[in-house]
N, C-alpha and C. Protein backbone atom coordinates (compact mmCIF):
# COMPACT_ATOMS: atom_id res chain seq x y z
N MET A 1 74.53 6.60 74.25
CA MET A 1 74.45 6.26 75.86
C MET A 1 75.50 5.52 76.28
N ILE A 2 76.06 5.85 77.51
CA ILE A 2 77.46 5.08 78.16
C ILE A 2 77.11 4.18 79.16
N HIS A 3 77.61 3.32 79.09
CA HIS A 3 77.28 1.87 80.07
C HIS A 3 78.04 1.49 80.54
N ARG A 4 78.22 0.99 82.05
CA ARG A 4 79.89 0.98 82.48
C ARG A 4 79.55 -0.13 83.32
N ILE A 5 80.76 -1.48 83.30
CA ILE A 5 80.79 -2.58 83.88
C ILE A 5 82.03 -2.78 84.46
N ASP A 6 81.61 -3.09 85.55
CA ASP A 6 83.01 -3.42 86.75
C ASP A 6 83.48 -5.09 86.73
N VAL A 7 84.52 -5.40 85.88
CA VAL A 7 84.56 -6.51 85.74
C VAL A 7 84.66 -7.29 87.05
N SER A 8 85.33 -6.85 88.04
CA SER A 8 85.29 -7.50 89.32
C SER A 8 84.41 -7.77 89.87
N ASP A 9 83.48 -6.64 89.85
CA ASP A 9 81.81 -6.96 90.54
C ASP A 9 81.03 -7.89 89.87
N ALA A 10 81.09 -8.11 88.35
CA ALA A 10 80.69 -9.28 87.69
C ALA A 10 81.34 -10.57 88.41
N LEU A 11 82.46 -10.57 88.74
CA LEU A 11 83.29 -11.60 89.24
C LEU A 11 82.66 -12.05 90.87
N ARG A 12 82.58 -10.93 91.54
CA ARG A 12 82.32 -11.16 92.89
C ARG A 12 80.69 -11.71 92.77
N ARG A 13 79.89 -11.05 92.15
CA ARG A 13 78.44 -11.55 91.60
C ARG A 13 78.41 -13.36 91.34
N SER A 14 79.16 -13.42 90.55
CA SER A 14 79.02 -14.61 89.65
C SER A 14 79.76 -15.75 90.38
N VAL A 15 81.01 -15.56 90.78
CA VAL A 15 81.65 -16.75 91.25
C VAL A 15 81.93 -16.75 92.67
N CYS A 16 82.58 -15.63 93.64
CA CYS A 16 83.14 -15.78 95.02
C CYS A 16 83.31 -14.24 95.37
N GLU A 17 82.68 -13.79 96.26
CA GLU A 17 83.12 -11.91 96.92
C GLU A 17 84.86 -12.13 97.11
N LEU A 18 85.29 -13.33 97.55
CA LEU A 18 86.64 -13.18 97.74
C LEU A 18 87.89 -13.31 96.83
N TYR A 19 87.04 -13.44 95.50
CA TYR A 19 88.05 -13.27 94.33
C TYR A 19 88.49 -12.14 93.81
N SER A 20 89.75 -11.72 93.18
CA SER A 20 89.68 -10.57 92.53
C SER A 20 90.50 -11.25 90.97
N ASP A 21 91.19 -11.93 90.96
CA ASP A 21 91.73 -12.87 90.06
C ASP A 21 90.67 -13.49 89.21
N LEU A 22 90.94 -13.26 87.76
CA LEU A 22 90.28 -14.30 86.58
C LEU A 22 91.13 -15.29 85.84
N VAL A 23 91.12 -16.68 86.56
CA VAL A 23 91.59 -17.49 86.23
C VAL A 23 90.59 -18.72 86.20
N THR A 24 90.98 -19.74 85.40
CA THR A 24 90.04 -20.54 84.91
C THR A 24 88.95 -20.45 83.92
N ARG A 25 89.09 -21.19 82.85
CA ARG A 25 87.67 -20.81 81.81
C ARG A 25 86.26 -20.86 82.34
N PRO A 26 85.76 -21.74 83.61
CA PRO A 26 84.63 -21.94 84.22
C PRO A 26 84.56 -20.54 84.91
N THR A 27 85.45 -19.94 85.59
CA THR A 27 85.21 -18.53 85.88
C THR A 27 85.09 -17.09 85.26
N GLY A 28 85.76 -17.44 83.70
CA GLY A 28 85.80 -16.49 83.02
C GLY A 28 84.24 -16.99 82.21
N ALA A 29 83.55 -17.84 82.17
CA ALA A 29 82.51 -18.03 81.28
C ALA A 29 81.60 -17.49 82.48
N ALA A 30 81.47 -17.72 83.62
CA ALA A 30 80.12 -16.87 84.84
C ALA A 30 80.78 -15.47 84.67
N VAL A 31 81.97 -15.12 84.49
CA VAL A 31 81.86 -13.57 84.30
C VAL A 31 81.19 -12.91 82.87
N ARG A 32 81.32 -13.52 82.09
CA ARG A 32 81.22 -13.34 80.76
C ARG A 32 79.51 -13.06 80.98
N ARG A 33 79.03 -14.46 81.14
CA ARG A 33 77.18 -14.55 81.21
C ARG A 33 77.15 -13.08 82.09
N ALA A 34 77.37 -13.01 83.36
CA ALA A 34 76.95 -11.91 84.76
C ALA A 34 77.37 -10.47 83.25
N ILE A 35 78.39 -10.38 82.35
CA ILE A 35 78.68 -9.27 81.46
C ILE A 35 77.50 -8.94 80.89
N GLU A 36 76.89 -10.06 80.07
CA GLU A 36 76.14 -10.50 79.17
C GLU A 36 74.65 -9.97 79.84
N GLU A 37 74.26 -10.64 81.00
CA GLU A 37 73.22 -10.13 81.29
C GLU A 37 72.91 -8.68 81.43
N GLN A 38 74.11 -8.09 82.12
CA GLN A 38 73.98 -6.78 81.97
C GLN A 38 73.48 -5.97 80.67
N LEU A 39 74.42 -6.36 79.89
CA LEU A 39 74.22 -5.67 78.43
C LEU A 39 73.10 -5.98 77.95
N ALA A 40 72.07 -6.94 78.20
CA ALA A 40 70.64 -7.51 77.80
C ALA A 40 69.84 -6.04 78.12
N LEU A 41 69.79 -5.89 79.29
CA LEU A 41 69.34 -4.70 80.37
C LEU A 41 69.43 -3.11 79.48
N VAL A 42 70.39 -3.22 77.99
CA VAL A 42 70.37 -1.75 77.63
C VAL A 42 70.07 -2.06 75.99
N ASP A 43 69.24 -0.72 75.87
CA ASP A 43 68.62 -0.86 74.50
C ASP A 43 69.32 0.08 73.50
N GLY A 44 69.66 -0.05 72.23
CA GLY A 44 70.12 1.29 71.16
C GLY A 44 71.49 1.22 71.47
N ARG A 45 72.03 2.15 70.71
CA ARG A 45 73.32 2.55 70.52
C ARG A 45 74.16 2.73 71.83
N THR A 46 74.95 1.49 72.25
CA THR A 46 75.68 1.83 73.61
C THR A 46 77.20 1.52 73.37
N LEU A 47 77.89 2.72 74.03
CA LEU A 47 79.45 2.21 74.37
C LEU A 47 79.16 1.68 75.90
N THR A 48 79.75 0.88 75.72
CA THR A 48 80.11 0.25 77.35
C THR A 48 81.45 -0.33 77.38
N VAL A 49 81.75 0.50 78.51
CA VAL A 49 83.23 0.72 79.25
C VAL A 49 83.77 -0.57 79.96
N ILE A 50 84.25 -1.60 79.70
CA ILE A 50 84.75 -2.79 80.48
C ILE A 50 85.66 -2.27 81.01
N ASP A 51 85.30 -2.51 82.66
CA ASP A 51 86.64 -1.72 83.54
C ASP A 51 87.22 -3.23 84.10
N PHE A 52 88.55 -3.58 83.58
CA PHE A 52 89.11 -4.31 84.78
C PHE A 52 89.53 -3.66 85.77
N SER A 53 89.78 -2.63 86.10
CA SER A 53 91.06 -1.63 87.44
C SER A 53 90.79 -2.44 88.50
N GLN A 54 89.88 -3.22 88.96
CA GLN A 54 90.20 -4.08 90.16
C GLN A 54 90.25 -5.78 90.14
N VAL A 55 90.60 -5.85 88.87
CA VAL A 55 90.81 -7.17 88.79
C VAL A 55 92.15 -7.47 88.84
N GLY A 56 92.78 -8.77 89.44
CA GLY A 56 94.34 -8.87 89.59
C GLY A 56 94.98 -9.53 88.50
N LEU A 57 95.09 -11.09 88.59
CA LEU A 57 95.30 -11.75 87.56
C LEU A 57 94.64 -12.04 86.22
N LEU A 58 94.79 -12.16 85.30
CA LEU A 58 93.82 -12.40 83.79
C LEU A 58 94.96 -13.83 83.08
N ASP A 59 94.44 -14.87 83.21
CA ASP A 59 95.14 -15.97 82.69
C ASP A 59 94.16 -15.89 80.72
N PHE A 60 95.09 -16.85 80.00
CA PHE A 60 94.48 -16.77 79.03
C PHE A 60 93.03 -17.26 78.64
N SER A 61 92.78 -18.23 79.28
CA SER A 61 91.33 -19.20 79.22
C SER A 61 90.26 -18.01 79.88
N CYS A 62 90.70 -17.12 80.67
CA CYS A 62 89.73 -15.88 81.19
C CYS A 62 89.13 -14.93 80.06
N ALA A 63 90.51 -14.60 79.27
CA ALA A 63 90.61 -13.46 78.26
C ALA A 63 89.83 -13.75 77.08
N ASP A 64 89.94 -15.51 77.26
CA ASP A 64 89.48 -15.88 75.72
C ASP A 64 87.55 -15.56 76.04
N GLU A 65 87.10 -16.04 77.76
CA GLU A 65 85.96 -16.24 77.80
C GLU A 65 85.23 -14.82 77.93
N VAL A 66 85.85 -13.97 78.24
CA VAL A 66 85.74 -12.50 78.77
C VAL A 66 85.89 -11.47 77.72
N VAL A 67 87.04 -11.55 77.13
CA VAL A 67 87.26 -10.35 76.00
C VAL A 67 86.61 -11.20 74.34
N ALA A 68 87.86 -12.32 74.62
CA ALA A 68 87.20 -12.53 72.72
C ALA A 68 86.20 -13.26 72.73
N LYS A 69 85.14 -13.77 73.18
CA LYS A 69 83.57 -14.49 73.26
C LYS A 69 82.53 -13.35 73.18
N LEU A 70 82.86 -12.11 74.06
CA LEU A 70 82.37 -11.34 74.05
C LEU A 70 82.21 -10.69 72.92
N LEU A 71 83.71 -10.41 72.19
CA LEU A 71 83.63 -9.34 70.98
C LEU A 71 83.14 -10.19 69.79
N LEU A 72 83.19 -11.43 70.20
CA LEU A 72 82.80 -12.42 68.95
C LEU A 72 81.06 -12.42 68.78
N ARG A 73 80.47 -12.37 70.08
CA ARG A 73 79.13 -12.54 69.80
C ARG A 73 78.65 -11.20 69.21
N TYR A 74 79.14 -10.15 69.39
CA TYR A 74 78.91 -8.62 68.42
C TYR A 74 79.22 -8.77 67.56
N ALA A 75 80.27 -9.46 66.76
CA ALA A 75 80.75 -9.32 65.63
C ALA A 75 80.18 -10.50 64.61
N ALA A 76 79.48 -11.31 65.45
CA ALA A 76 78.73 -12.77 64.66
C ALA A 76 77.38 -12.16 64.32
N GLU A 77 76.53 -11.57 65.11
CA GLU A 77 75.43 -10.95 64.76
C GLU A 77 75.00 -9.48 65.40
N PRO A 78 75.67 -8.54 64.87
CA PRO A 78 75.81 -7.18 65.61
C PRO A 78 74.37 -6.61 64.90
N PRO A 79 73.39 -6.44 65.83
CA PRO A 79 72.48 -5.32 65.76
C PRO A 79 72.52 -3.93 65.06
N PRO A 80 72.06 -3.55 64.14
CA PRO A 80 72.32 -1.95 63.44
C PRO A 80 72.98 -1.21 64.50
N ASP A 81 74.32 -0.66 64.46
CA ASP A 81 74.90 0.71 65.41
C ASP A 81 74.62 0.11 67.11
N ASP A 82 74.78 -1.24 67.23
CA ASP A 82 74.35 -1.56 68.69
C ASP A 82 75.92 -2.06 69.31
N GLY A 83 76.23 -2.05 70.39
CA GLY A 83 77.18 -2.50 70.97
C GLY A 83 78.46 -2.15 70.67
N TYR A 84 79.16 -1.16 71.25
CA TYR A 84 80.67 -0.82 71.04
C TYR A 84 81.19 -1.12 72.44
N PHE A 85 82.11 -1.39 72.36
CA PHE A 85 83.27 -1.24 73.72
C PHE A 85 84.62 -0.69 73.85
N LEU A 86 84.62 -0.16 75.07
CA LEU A 86 85.93 0.50 75.35
C LEU A 86 86.32 -0.31 76.40
N PHE A 87 87.90 -0.68 76.63
CA PHE A 87 88.16 -1.25 77.95
C PHE A 87 89.21 -0.65 78.51
N ARG A 88 88.84 -0.54 79.86
CA ARG A 88 89.64 0.42 80.73
C ARG A 88 90.37 -0.17 81.94
N GLY A 89 91.32 0.45 82.43
CA GLY A 89 91.94 -0.66 83.80
C GLY A 89 92.50 -1.94 83.30
N VAL A 90 93.01 -2.18 81.81
CA VAL A 90 93.76 -2.98 81.43
C VAL A 90 95.16 -2.52 82.06
N ARG A 91 95.84 -3.50 82.57
CA ARG A 91 97.43 -3.19 82.83
C ARG A 91 98.16 -4.32 82.42
N GLU A 92 99.24 -4.50 82.52
CA GLU A 92 99.94 -5.21 82.08
C GLU A 92 100.02 -6.43 82.56
N VAL A 93 99.59 -6.91 83.27
CA VAL A 93 99.38 -8.33 83.82
C VAL A 93 98.09 -8.56 83.33
N HIS A 94 97.95 -7.77 82.42
CA HIS A 94 96.30 -8.76 81.76
C HIS A 94 96.71 -8.86 80.13
N PHE A 95 97.65 -7.35 79.34
CA PHE A 95 97.66 -7.16 78.59
C PHE A 95 98.29 -8.24 77.69
N ASP A 96 99.29 -9.57 78.08
CA ASP A 96 99.64 -10.31 77.20
C ASP A 96 98.41 -11.38 76.54
N ALA A 97 97.57 -11.80 77.71
CA ALA A 97 96.57 -12.49 77.79
C ALA A 97 95.66 -12.38 76.48
N ILE A 98 95.01 -10.95 76.99
CA ILE A 98 94.21 -10.12 76.01
C ILE A 98 94.70 -9.91 74.43
N GLU A 99 96.01 -9.56 74.48
CA GLU A 99 96.21 -9.68 73.28
C GLU A 99 96.80 -10.93 72.47
N ALA A 100 97.04 -12.23 73.30
CA ALA A 100 96.92 -13.49 72.61
C ALA A 100 95.74 -13.56 72.05
N VAL A 101 94.18 -13.39 72.64
CA VAL A 101 93.15 -14.18 72.30
C VAL A 101 92.59 -13.00 70.96
N LEU A 102 92.89 -11.92 71.15
CA LEU A 102 93.10 -11.04 69.97
C LEU A 102 93.48 -11.15 68.77
N GLU A 103 94.46 -11.76 68.74
CA GLU A 103 95.43 -12.44 67.52
C GLU A 103 94.64 -13.34 67.16
N ARG A 104 94.60 -14.30 67.92
CA ARG A 104 93.89 -15.67 67.41
C ARG A 104 92.80 -15.55 67.05
N HIS A 105 91.54 -14.82 67.17
CA HIS A 105 90.52 -14.61 66.63
C HIS A 105 90.44 -13.61 65.78
N GLN A 106 91.30 -12.97 65.32
CA GLN A 106 91.57 -11.71 64.43
C GLN A 106 90.45 -10.64 64.93
N LEU A 107 90.71 -10.23 66.36
CA LEU A 107 89.70 -9.05 66.82
C LEU A 107 90.68 -7.99 66.83
N ALA A 108 89.70 -6.85 67.49
CA ALA A 108 90.66 -5.99 67.94
C ALA A 108 89.48 -4.93 68.86
N LEU A 109 90.38 -4.34 69.69
CA LEU A 109 89.59 -3.36 70.75
C LEU A 109 90.48 -2.27 71.22
N VAL A 110 89.46 -1.41 71.94
CA VAL A 110 89.94 -0.01 72.21
C VAL A 110 90.39 0.13 73.76
N ILE A 111 91.49 0.26 74.02
CA ILE A 111 91.95 0.49 75.42
C ILE A 111 92.17 1.38 75.85
N LEU A 112 91.51 2.00 76.93
CA LEU A 112 91.59 3.57 77.44
C LEU A 112 92.66 3.22 78.36
N GLY A 113 93.96 3.55 78.28
CA GLY A 113 95.08 3.97 79.36
C GLY A 113 94.85 4.83 80.42
N ASP A 114 95.74 4.27 81.53
CA ASP A 114 95.89 5.43 83.14
C ASP A 114 96.30 6.96 82.66
N ASP A 115 97.03 7.07 81.20
CA ASP A 115 96.83 8.35 81.11
C ASP A 115 96.10 9.31 80.43
N GLY A 116 95.05 8.09 80.00
CA GLY A 116 93.73 9.09 79.17
C GLY A 116 93.77 8.80 77.91
N ALA A 117 94.79 8.30 77.27
CA ALA A 117 94.83 8.06 75.95
C ALA A 117 94.00 6.74 75.38
N ALA A 118 93.67 6.75 74.40
CA ALA A 118 92.88 5.48 73.85
C ALA A 118 93.60 4.85 72.61
N GLN A 119 93.91 3.71 72.82
CA GLN A 119 94.77 2.56 72.00
C GLN A 119 94.21 1.44 71.50
N LEU A 120 94.48 1.58 70.03
CA LEU A 120 93.62 0.47 69.36
C LEU A 120 94.80 -0.76 69.26
N VAL A 121 94.05 -2.03 69.66
CA VAL A 121 94.93 -3.13 70.00
C VAL A 121 94.49 -4.20 69.06
N GLY A 122 95.42 -5.45 69.30
CA GLY A 122 94.51 -6.59 68.37
C GLY A 122 95.30 -6.88 67.21
N ALA A 123 94.69 -7.58 66.35
CA ALA A 123 94.77 -8.05 64.98
C ALA A 123 94.24 -6.78 64.23
N VAL A 124 95.33 -5.77 63.99
CA VAL A 124 95.01 -4.57 62.86
C VAL A 124 96.41 -4.41 62.32
N ASP A 125 96.06 -4.18 60.96
CA ASP A 125 97.41 -4.02 59.98
C ASP A 125 97.59 -2.15 60.21
N GLU A 126 98.68 -1.85 59.47
CA GLU A 126 99.38 -0.31 59.93
C GLU A 126 98.40 0.44 59.44
N LEU A 127 97.82 0.32 57.98
CA LEU A 127 96.91 1.08 57.39
C LEU A 127 95.63 1.13 58.55
N GLU A 128 94.95 0.27 59.12
CA GLU A 128 93.97 0.14 59.91
C GLU A 128 94.20 1.18 61.13
N ARG A 129 95.63 0.97 61.50
CA ARG A 129 95.76 1.85 62.64
C ARG A 129 96.27 2.94 62.71
N ALA A 130 96.57 3.40 61.45
CA ALA A 130 96.85 4.84 61.05
C ALA A 130 95.36 5.65 60.92
N ALA A 131 94.63 4.79 60.06
CA ALA A 131 93.28 5.49 60.02
C ALA A 131 92.04 5.46 61.09
N TRP A 132 92.37 4.90 61.82
CA TRP A 132 91.49 4.61 63.42
C TRP A 132 92.27 5.91 64.37
N GLY A 133 93.67 5.93 64.33
CA GLY A 133 94.58 6.79 65.04
C GLY A 133 93.66 8.62 64.53
N LEU A 134 94.01 8.64 63.28
CA LEU A 134 93.25 9.62 62.43
C LEU A 134 91.95 10.49 63.16
N LEU A 135 91.06 9.21 63.00
CA LEU A 135 89.89 9.49 63.57
C LEU A 135 89.67 9.62 65.12
N GLU A 136 90.57 8.95 66.20
CA GLU A 136 90.27 9.54 67.15
C GLU A 136 91.21 10.76 67.44
N ARG A 137 92.07 11.09 66.84
CA ARG A 137 93.10 12.32 67.23
C ARG A 137 92.06 13.57 66.64
N ASP A 138 91.42 13.54 65.27
CA ASP A 138 90.53 14.54 64.83
C ASP A 138 89.21 14.43 64.82
N GLY A 139 88.67 12.91 65.27
CA GLY A 139 87.23 13.23 65.43
C GLY A 139 86.61 12.88 64.01
N ARG A 140 85.43 13.13 63.70
CA ARG A 140 84.50 12.49 62.66
C ARG A 140 85.18 12.77 61.48
N ARG A 141 85.24 11.98 60.53
CA ARG A 141 85.82 12.13 59.26
C ARG A 141 84.82 11.58 58.18
N ALA A 142 85.03 12.24 57.03
CA ALA A 142 84.46 11.37 55.88
C ALA A 142 85.51 10.63 55.00
N PRO A 143 85.25 9.43 54.74
CA PRO A 143 85.63 8.53 53.83
C PRO A 143 87.02 9.55 52.98
N ALA A 144 86.23 10.58 52.18
CA ALA A 144 87.43 11.26 51.43
C ALA A 144 88.27 11.91 52.20
N GLN A 145 88.25 12.61 53.30
CA GLN A 145 88.85 13.04 53.84
C GLN A 145 90.09 12.27 54.95
N VAL A 146 89.84 11.01 55.50
CA VAL A 146 90.59 9.91 55.38
C VAL A 146 91.45 9.55 54.41
N ALA A 147 90.96 9.39 52.81
CA ALA A 147 91.51 9.08 51.82
C ALA A 147 92.72 10.06 51.64
N ALA A 148 92.40 11.58 51.73
CA ALA A 148 93.36 12.39 51.71
C ALA A 148 94.48 12.49 52.60
N ALA A 149 93.74 12.44 53.69
CA ALA A 149 95.01 12.29 55.03
C ALA A 149 96.00 11.53 55.08
N LEU A 150 95.53 9.94 54.31
CA LEU A 150 96.56 8.93 54.23
C LEU A 150 97.36 8.74 53.03
N GLY A 151 96.54 9.67 52.05
CA GLY A 151 97.30 9.56 50.38
C GLY A 151 96.52 8.08 49.84
N LEU A 152 95.64 7.73 50.10
CA LEU A 152 94.78 6.64 49.90
C LEU A 152 93.72 7.08 48.58
N ASP A 153 93.27 6.11 47.75
CA ASP A 153 92.11 6.54 46.65
C ASP A 153 91.21 6.24 47.69
N LEU A 154 89.60 6.71 47.16
CA LEU A 154 88.54 6.52 48.14
C LEU A 154 87.93 5.26 48.29
N ALA A 155 88.11 4.67 47.29
CA ALA A 155 87.60 3.16 47.61
C ALA A 155 88.50 2.56 48.96
N ASP A 156 89.85 2.25 48.34
CA ASP A 156 90.73 1.88 49.61
C ASP A 156 90.43 2.33 50.84
N ALA A 157 90.11 3.93 51.54
CA ALA A 157 89.59 4.48 52.65
C ALA A 157 88.42 3.87 52.98
N ALA A 158 87.54 4.09 52.24
CA ALA A 158 86.46 3.08 52.29
C ALA A 158 86.32 1.72 53.01
N ALA A 159 87.20 1.06 52.00
CA ALA A 159 87.35 -0.31 52.87
C ALA A 159 87.84 -0.24 53.96
N VAL A 160 88.99 0.26 54.16
CA VAL A 160 89.54 0.31 55.60
C VAL A 160 88.68 0.78 56.49
N LEU A 161 87.84 1.84 56.34
CA LEU A 161 86.54 2.42 57.37
C LEU A 161 85.77 1.23 57.66
N ASP A 162 85.13 0.67 56.74
CA ASP A 162 84.17 -0.46 56.57
C ASP A 162 84.68 -1.39 57.96
N GLY A 163 86.26 -1.84 57.61
CA GLY A 163 86.56 -3.02 58.31
C GLY A 163 86.61 -2.21 59.59
N LEU A 164 87.00 -1.32 60.04
CA LEU A 164 86.97 -0.83 61.42
C LEU A 164 85.53 -0.70 61.50
N CYS A 165 84.79 -0.36 61.32
CA CYS A 165 83.15 -0.12 61.57
C CYS A 165 82.38 -1.66 61.86
N ARG A 166 83.17 -2.77 61.12
CA ARG A 166 82.59 -3.71 61.38
C ARG A 166 83.32 -4.65 62.30
N ARG A 167 84.20 -4.29 63.03
CA ARG A 167 85.07 -4.87 63.97
C ARG A 167 84.90 -3.94 65.09
N ARG A 168 84.09 -3.10 64.79
CA ARG A 168 83.47 -2.04 66.02
C ARG A 168 84.46 -1.83 67.31
N VAL A 169 85.28 -0.97 66.27
CA VAL A 169 86.43 -0.25 67.07
C VAL A 169 86.17 1.40 66.12
N ALA A 170 85.11 1.40 65.31
CA ALA A 170 84.93 3.10 64.70
C ALA A 170 83.31 2.69 64.14
N LEU A 171 82.29 4.03 64.71
CA LEU A 171 81.26 3.97 64.28
C LEU A 171 80.78 4.94 63.16
N ARG A 172 79.81 4.38 62.32
CA ARG A 172 79.69 4.86 61.16
C ARG A 172 78.45 5.71 61.29
N LEU A 173 78.57 7.40 61.38
CA LEU A 173 77.59 8.08 61.52
C LEU A 173 77.01 8.59 60.15
N ALA A 174 75.86 9.39 60.04
CA ALA A 174 75.55 9.95 59.08
C ALA A 174 76.79 10.58 57.85
N ASP A 175 77.07 11.06 58.52
CA ASP A 175 78.05 12.42 57.99
C ASP A 175 79.54 11.77 58.10
N GLY A 176 79.65 10.76 58.52
CA GLY A 176 81.31 10.31 58.69
C GLY A 176 81.26 9.23 59.68
N VAL A 177 82.61 9.06 59.94
CA VAL A 177 83.06 8.06 60.70
C VAL A 177 83.95 8.21 62.22
N VAL A 178 83.67 8.07 62.92
CA VAL A 178 83.95 8.05 64.58
C VAL A 178 84.79 7.14 65.07
N ALA A 179 85.91 7.33 65.61
CA ALA A 179 86.76 6.38 66.38
C ALA A 179 86.04 5.74 67.71
N VAL A 180 86.01 4.47 68.00
CA VAL A 180 85.13 4.43 69.57
C VAL A 180 86.43 4.92 70.80
N GLY A 181 86.37 5.56 71.13
CA GLY A 181 87.28 6.05 72.13
C GLY A 181 87.32 7.21 73.10
N LEU A 182 87.68 8.16 72.93
CA LEU A 182 87.60 9.58 73.83
C LEU A 182 86.33 10.37 73.37
N THR A 183 86.41 10.17 72.00
CA THR A 183 85.20 11.26 71.59
C THR A 183 84.01 10.62 72.07
N LEU A 184 83.65 9.66 71.50
CA LEU A 184 82.56 8.93 72.42
C LEU A 184 82.16 8.61 73.72
N LEU A 185 83.11 8.79 74.72
CA LEU A 185 83.53 8.43 75.82
C LEU A 185 82.81 9.55 76.49
N ALA A 186 83.28 10.91 75.79
CA ALA A 186 82.86 12.05 76.13
C ALA A 186 81.55 12.28 75.94
N GLY A 187 81.02 11.50 75.20
CA GLY A 187 79.22 11.76 74.55
C GLY A 187 79.04 12.63 73.56
N ARG A 188 80.44 13.30 72.65
CA ARG A 188 80.22 14.39 71.63
C ARG A 188 80.89 13.72 70.44
N PRO A 189 80.36 13.09 69.27
CA PRO A 189 80.96 12.64 68.51
C PRO A 189 81.20 13.92 67.63
N GLN A 190 82.25 14.00 67.21
CA GLN A 190 82.34 15.58 66.75
C GLN A 190 82.22 15.38 65.21
């Protein structure tokens, strides 16, 4: 199931109808709580698209509240196969703050760009980035296929895929792993 949350709508409902900027920690906390309330209404495996398209400014404290704390909540006690996120509408004015909090908390997320391409950002190494890129480009892959494509042994490929799944930027299915990105957004994990 795909669920969409407009961050600017959460901002207007929780703080003030006149704002389009996410600044100050209390504003970020109120928006995160509004997002969490919407997420609480959704059951089962869900891809939630968090849309920043209508957000003006995003400061570091709001990025910490809205992005990092939301991701940390799902990483700390994840229900099995629940709660995957794809962020869209992230512009250059948002990116520095988001990237800083991802690095500080050792988190990663997937951004859907204006060009329609999905991009893995945050605290990821080159091997994780290569494995995720393979999954996003080619669809569902078993660990043995990832190992062969990246020149790794099976144990190393499995460890990289496990790490991507634990960080919720990839999803484990019965017969392989798929990247959280366009394949899932289209509703058809290959």
